[in-house]
């Protein structure tokens, strides 16, 4: 298959096995009568506040039409918030959600939280990376291409993570759970993971964080204690 396009004043051709047209999505709201209902909208979709309430206080909206996170799992989470807030006097906020995403390439790319670029701008954030070619299950499965990476603050609180692996979308949930519930890397390091599994890469990230806690001062104290115990 050949794609022909213009660049500058010339014509170029690119050959490939398949051609993917990614033109984006547009909200289909023109015939809903939103104006008559007093519901504000824009080219991006229905305008909502952090609790998914529209400009008409009796109307809530959720999903792709009301969010920049256009994923099925994000729409499901937002629908739960809308139901709680609309019917059960809830006060849930969309901004409190920790939403992951996954690109289903081979290997898959899964991500949650801050990006590597954002982490690099923050002096209080450390990035830890474990390559899959150091994980026994990945070696056995001959799936060594990829890595697990987290960005964490000095106390081990996870601020973001990226997994590149054959089943990254299956594994990112552990890190989403940790971020949602304030579980730190030190706890991840002490959590027993089945061996051999590719999820061991996540435990190794915790180990990498634990090693940073052995500062020169802590090392000197530990050496002094060990010398005292040997006497």
Protein backbone atom coordinates (compact mmCIF):
# COMPACT_ATOMS: atom_id res chain seq x y z
CA UNK A 1 0.00 0.00 0.00
CA UNK A 2 1.25 3.46 -0.88
CA UNK A 3 0.42 6.79 0.73
CA UNK A 4 0.95 9.81 -1.51
CA UNK A 5 1.14 13.25 0.10
CA UNK A 6 2.52 16.70 -0.52
CA UNK A 7 5.32 18.22 1.53
CA UNK A 8 6.33 21.73 0.66
CA UNK A 9 6.17 21.93 -3.11
CA UNK A 10 6.96 18.30 -3.76
CA UNK A 11 5.11 15.01 -3.74
CA UNK A 12 6.26 12.15 -1.52
CA UNK A 13 5.33 8.48 -1.25
CA UNK A 14 5.46 6.15 1.74
CA UNK A 15 4.95 2.39 1.45
CA UNK A 16 3.58 0.18 4.22
CA UNK A 17 1.60 -2.96 4.99
CA UNK A 18 -1.47 -1.03 6.16
CA UNK A 19 -2.66 2.58 6.29
CA UNK A 20 -4.21 3.83 9.52
CA UNK A 21 -6.29 7.00 9.31
CA UNK A 22 -6.49 8.66 12.76
CA UNK A 23 -8.73 11.66 12.16
CA UNK A 24 -9.92 12.05 15.74
CA UNK A 25 -13.46 12.14 17.09
CA UNK A 26 -16.17 14.77 17.25
CA UNK A 27 -19.07 14.87 19.75
CA UNK A 28 -22.43 14.03 18.18
CA UNK A 29 -24.66 16.43 20.11
CA UNK A 30 -26.23 18.63 17.44
CA UNK A 31 -29.68 17.00 17.59
CA UNK A 32 -30.02 16.65 21.37
CA UNK A 33 -31.75 19.97 21.91
CA UNK A 34 -29.22 21.09 24.49
CA UNK A 35 -30.04 24.77 23.99
CA UNK A 36 -33.69 24.16 24.85
CA UNK A 37 -32.62 22.31 28.00
CA UNK A 38 -30.23 25.08 29.00
CA UNK A 39 -27.19 22.83 28.71
CA UNK A 40 -24.04 24.62 27.57
CA UNK A 41 -21.82 22.93 25.00
CA UNK A 42 -18.76 23.66 22.88
CA UNK A 43 -16.91 22.06 19.99
CA UNK A 44 -15.30 19.71 22.53
CA UNK A 45 -18.64 18.50 23.90
CA UNK A 46 -20.93 19.15 26.85
CA UNK A 47 -19.56 21.60 29.42
CA UNK A 48 -19.51 20.13 32.94
CA UNK A 49 -18.00 21.03 36.29
CA UNK A 50 -15.77 18.80 38.39
CA UNK A 51 -18.82 16.90 39.65
CA UNK A 52 -20.13 16.36 36.08
CA UNK A 53 -23.03 18.76 36.50
CA UNK A 54 -23.93 20.77 33.39
CA UNK A 55 -25.15 24.38 33.28
CA UNK A 56 -28.60 22.90 33.94
CA UNK A 57 -28.29 21.73 37.54
CA UNK A 58 -30.70 18.85 36.88
CA UNK A 59 -28.59 17.42 34.06
CA UNK A 60 -25.31 15.52 34.37
CA UNK A 61 -23.04 14.27 31.58
CA UNK A 62 -20.29 11.64 31.52
CA UNK A 63 -18.01 9.88 29.08
CA UNK A 64 -16.29 10.99 25.88
CA UNK A 65 -18.76 13.83 25.36
CA UNK A 66 -17.70 15.48 28.62
CA UNK A 67 -14.05 14.57 29.09
CA UNK A 68 -10.64 14.79 27.47
CA UNK A 69 -10.00 11.21 28.64
CA UNK A 70 -11.79 9.38 25.83
CA UNK A 71 -11.42 5.83 27.09
CA UNK A 72 -14.09 3.24 27.88
CA UNK A 73 -12.76 2.71 31.40
CA UNK A 74 -12.73 6.48 32.02
CA UNK A 75 -16.33 6.75 30.82
CA UNK A 76 -17.31 3.95 33.20
CA UNK A 77 -15.66 5.70 36.15
CA UNK A 78 -17.29 9.01 35.25
CA UNK A 79 -20.72 7.37 34.91
CA UNK A 80 -20.38 6.03 38.45
CA UNK A 81 -19.58 9.55 39.70
CA UNK A 82 -22.52 11.04 37.79
CA UNK A 83 -24.93 8.48 39.28
CA UNK A 84 -23.68 9.05 42.83
CA UNK A 85 -23.81 12.83 42.52
CA UNK A 86 -27.14 12.99 40.68
CA UNK A 87 -29.13 10.41 42.64
CA UNK A 88 -27.45 9.89 45.99
CA UNK A 89 -26.31 13.39 47.02
CA UNK A 90 -22.70 12.49 46.28
CA UNK A 91 -19.82 14.95 46.21
CA UNK A 92 -17.40 12.96 44.04
CA UNK A 93 -15.00 14.86 41.78
CA UNK A 94 -13.56 13.82 38.43
CA UNK A 95 -10.27 15.50 39.29
CA UNK A 96 -9.80 12.94 42.08
CA UNK A 97 -9.69 10.04 39.60
CA UNK A 98 -6.42 8.33 38.72
CA UNK A 99 -6.95 7.38 35.08
CA UNK A 100 -4.54 5.10 33.21
CA UNK A 101 -4.39 4.54 29.48
CA UNK A 102 -2.95 1.85 27.26
CA UNK A 103 -1.93 1.80 23.61
CA UNK A 104 -2.37 -1.73 22.29
CA UNK A 105 0.70 -1.99 20.12
CA UNK A 106 3.20 -4.84 20.38
CA UNK A 107 4.62 -4.36 22.94
CA UNK A 108 1.83 -2.45 24.67
CA UNK A 109 2.43 0.99 26.20
CA UNK A 110 0.54 1.72 29.43
CA UNK A 111 0.80 4.94 31.42
CA UNK A 112 -0.67 6.71 34.45
CA UNK A 113 0.12 9.99 36.20
CA UNK A 114 2.83 12.49 35.32
CA UNK A 115 5.04 12.08 32.26
CA UNK A 116 8.82 11.69 32.12
CA UNK A 117 9.07 15.27 30.86
CA UNK A 118 7.11 16.61 33.83
CA UNK A 119 9.12 14.48 36.26
CA UNK A 120 12.41 15.82 34.86
CA UNK A 121 11.33 19.37 35.73
CA UNK A 122 10.78 18.54 39.40
CA UNK A 123 13.86 18.29 41.64
CA UNK A 124 11.86 16.44 44.29
CA UNK A 125 11.02 13.56 41.93
CA UNK A 126 13.23 10.55 41.19
CA UNK A 127 12.69 8.21 38.24
CA UNK A 128 13.32 4.48 38.58
CA UNK A 129 13.53 2.16 35.56
CA UNK A 130 13.71 -1.63 35.29
CA UNK A 131 14.43 -3.12 31.88
CA UNK A 132 12.54 -6.26 30.95
CA UNK A 133 15.74 -8.02 29.93
CA UNK A 134 16.54 -8.16 33.67
CA UNK A 135 13.23 -9.91 34.49
CA UNK A 136 13.42 -13.71 34.36
CA UNK A 137 9.90 -14.31 33.01
CA UNK A 138 10.44 -11.84 30.17
CA UNK A 139 13.69 -13.64 29.34
CA UNK A 140 11.95 -17.04 29.37
CA UNK A 141 9.11 -15.74 27.18
CA UNK A 142 11.61 -14.05 24.83
CA UNK A 143 9.80 -10.76 25.42
CA UNK A 144 12.80 -8.74 26.56
CA UNK A 145 11.87 -5.57 24.72
CA UNK A 146 10.40 -3.01 27.10
CA UNK A 147 10.70 -1.56 30.58
CA UNK A 148 8.85 -0.56 33.74
CA UNK A 149 9.32 3.00 35.02
CA UNK A 150 7.96 5.01 37.92
CA UNK A 151 8.35 8.60 39.07
CA UNK A 152 8.24 9.01 42.84
CA UNK A 153 8.88 11.69 45.44
CA UNK A 154 11.44 11.38 48.23
CA UNK A 155 9.00 9.49 50.45
CA UNK A 156 8.27 6.89 47.77
CA UNK A 157 4.86 8.22 46.78
CA UNK A 158 4.20 7.20 43.17
CA UNK A 159 3.36 10.16 40.94
CA UNK A 160 3.45 8.47 37.55
CA UNK A 161 4.36 5.25 35.79
CA UNK A 162 4.94 3.84 32.32
CA UNK A 163 5.07 0.19 31.31
CA UNK A 164 6.22 -1.03 27.91
CA UNK A 165 5.63 -4.78 27.73
CA UNK A 166 3.62 -7.46 25.97
CA UNK A 167 0.85 -7.23 28.59
CA UNK A 168 1.48 -3.76 30.00
CA UNK A 169 -2.24 -3.02 30.15
CA UNK A 170 -2.73 -5.98 32.50
CA UNK A 171 0.04 -4.87 34.87
CA UNK A 172 -0.54 -1.11 35.11
CA UNK A 173 -3.50 -1.72 37.44
CA UNK A 174 -1.18 -2.54 40.35
CA UNK A 175 0.45 0.88 40.07
CA UNK A 176 -2.92 2.62 39.63
CA UNK A 177 -4.10 0.92 42.83
CA UNK A 178 -0.95 2.10 44.62
CA UNK A 179 -1.39 5.69 43.44
CA UNK A 180 -5.10 5.76 44.28
CA UNK A 181 -4.58 4.48 47.82
CA UNK A 182 -1.30 6.18 48.68
CA UNK A 183 0.69 2.92 48.70
CA UNK A 184 4.36 3.82 48.45
CA UNK A 185 7.24 2.12 46.69
CA UNK A 186 8.60 0.79 49.95
CA UNK A 187 5.39 -1.21 50.42
CA UNK A 188 5.51 -2.39 46.81
CA UNK A 189 9.03 -3.71 47.46
CA UNK A 190 7.83 -5.82 50.39
CA UNK A 191 4.81 -7.20 48.51
CA UNK A 192 5.44 -10.79 47.42
CA UNK A 193 4.95 -11.26 43.67
CA UNK A 194 4.66 -14.74 42.13
CA UNK A 195 7.83 -15.98 40.45
CA UNK A 196 8.39 -16.05 37.56
CA UNK A 197 6.08 -13.30 36.30
CA UNK A 198 6.68 -10.12 34.36
CA UNK A 199 4.97 -8.24 37.20
CA UNK A 200 8.20 -8.80 39.12
CA UNK A 201 9.44 -5.72 37.29
CA UNK A 202 7.13 -3.66 39.50
CA UNK A 203 8.57 -5.22 42.66
CA UNK A 204 12.06 -4.47 41.35
CA UNK A 205 11.05 -0.81 41.05
CA UNK A 206 10.29 -0.89 44.76
CA UNK A 207 13.69 -2.46 45.41
CA UNK A 208 15.36 0.32 43.43
CA UNK A 209 13.66 2.90 45.63
CA UNK A 210 14.65 1.05 48.81
CA UNK A 211 18.31 1.20 47.80
CA UNK A 212 18.17 5.00 47.68
CA UNK A 213 17.28 5.04 51.37
CA UNK A 214 20.72 3.64 52.23
CA UNK A 215 22.36 7.06 52.34
CA UNK A 216 26.03 7.45 53.39
CA UNK A 217 24.90 8.52 56.87
CA UNK A 218 22.60 5.51 57.24
CA UNK A 219 25.38 3.25 55.95
CA UNK A 220 27.82 4.57 58.57
CA UNK A 221 25.30 4.04 61.35
CA UNK A 222 24.52 0.52 60.13
CA UNK A 223 28.22 -0.36 59.89
CA UNK A 224 28.78 0.93 63.43
CA UNK A 225 25.88 -1.18 64.74
CA UNK A 226 27.18 -4.29 62.99
CA UNK A 227 30.69 -3.75 64.37
CA UNK A 228 29.25 -3.36 67.86
CA UNK A 229 27.25 -6.58 67.53
CA UNK A 230 30.34 -8.52 66.47
CA UNK A 231 32.30 -7.45 69.55
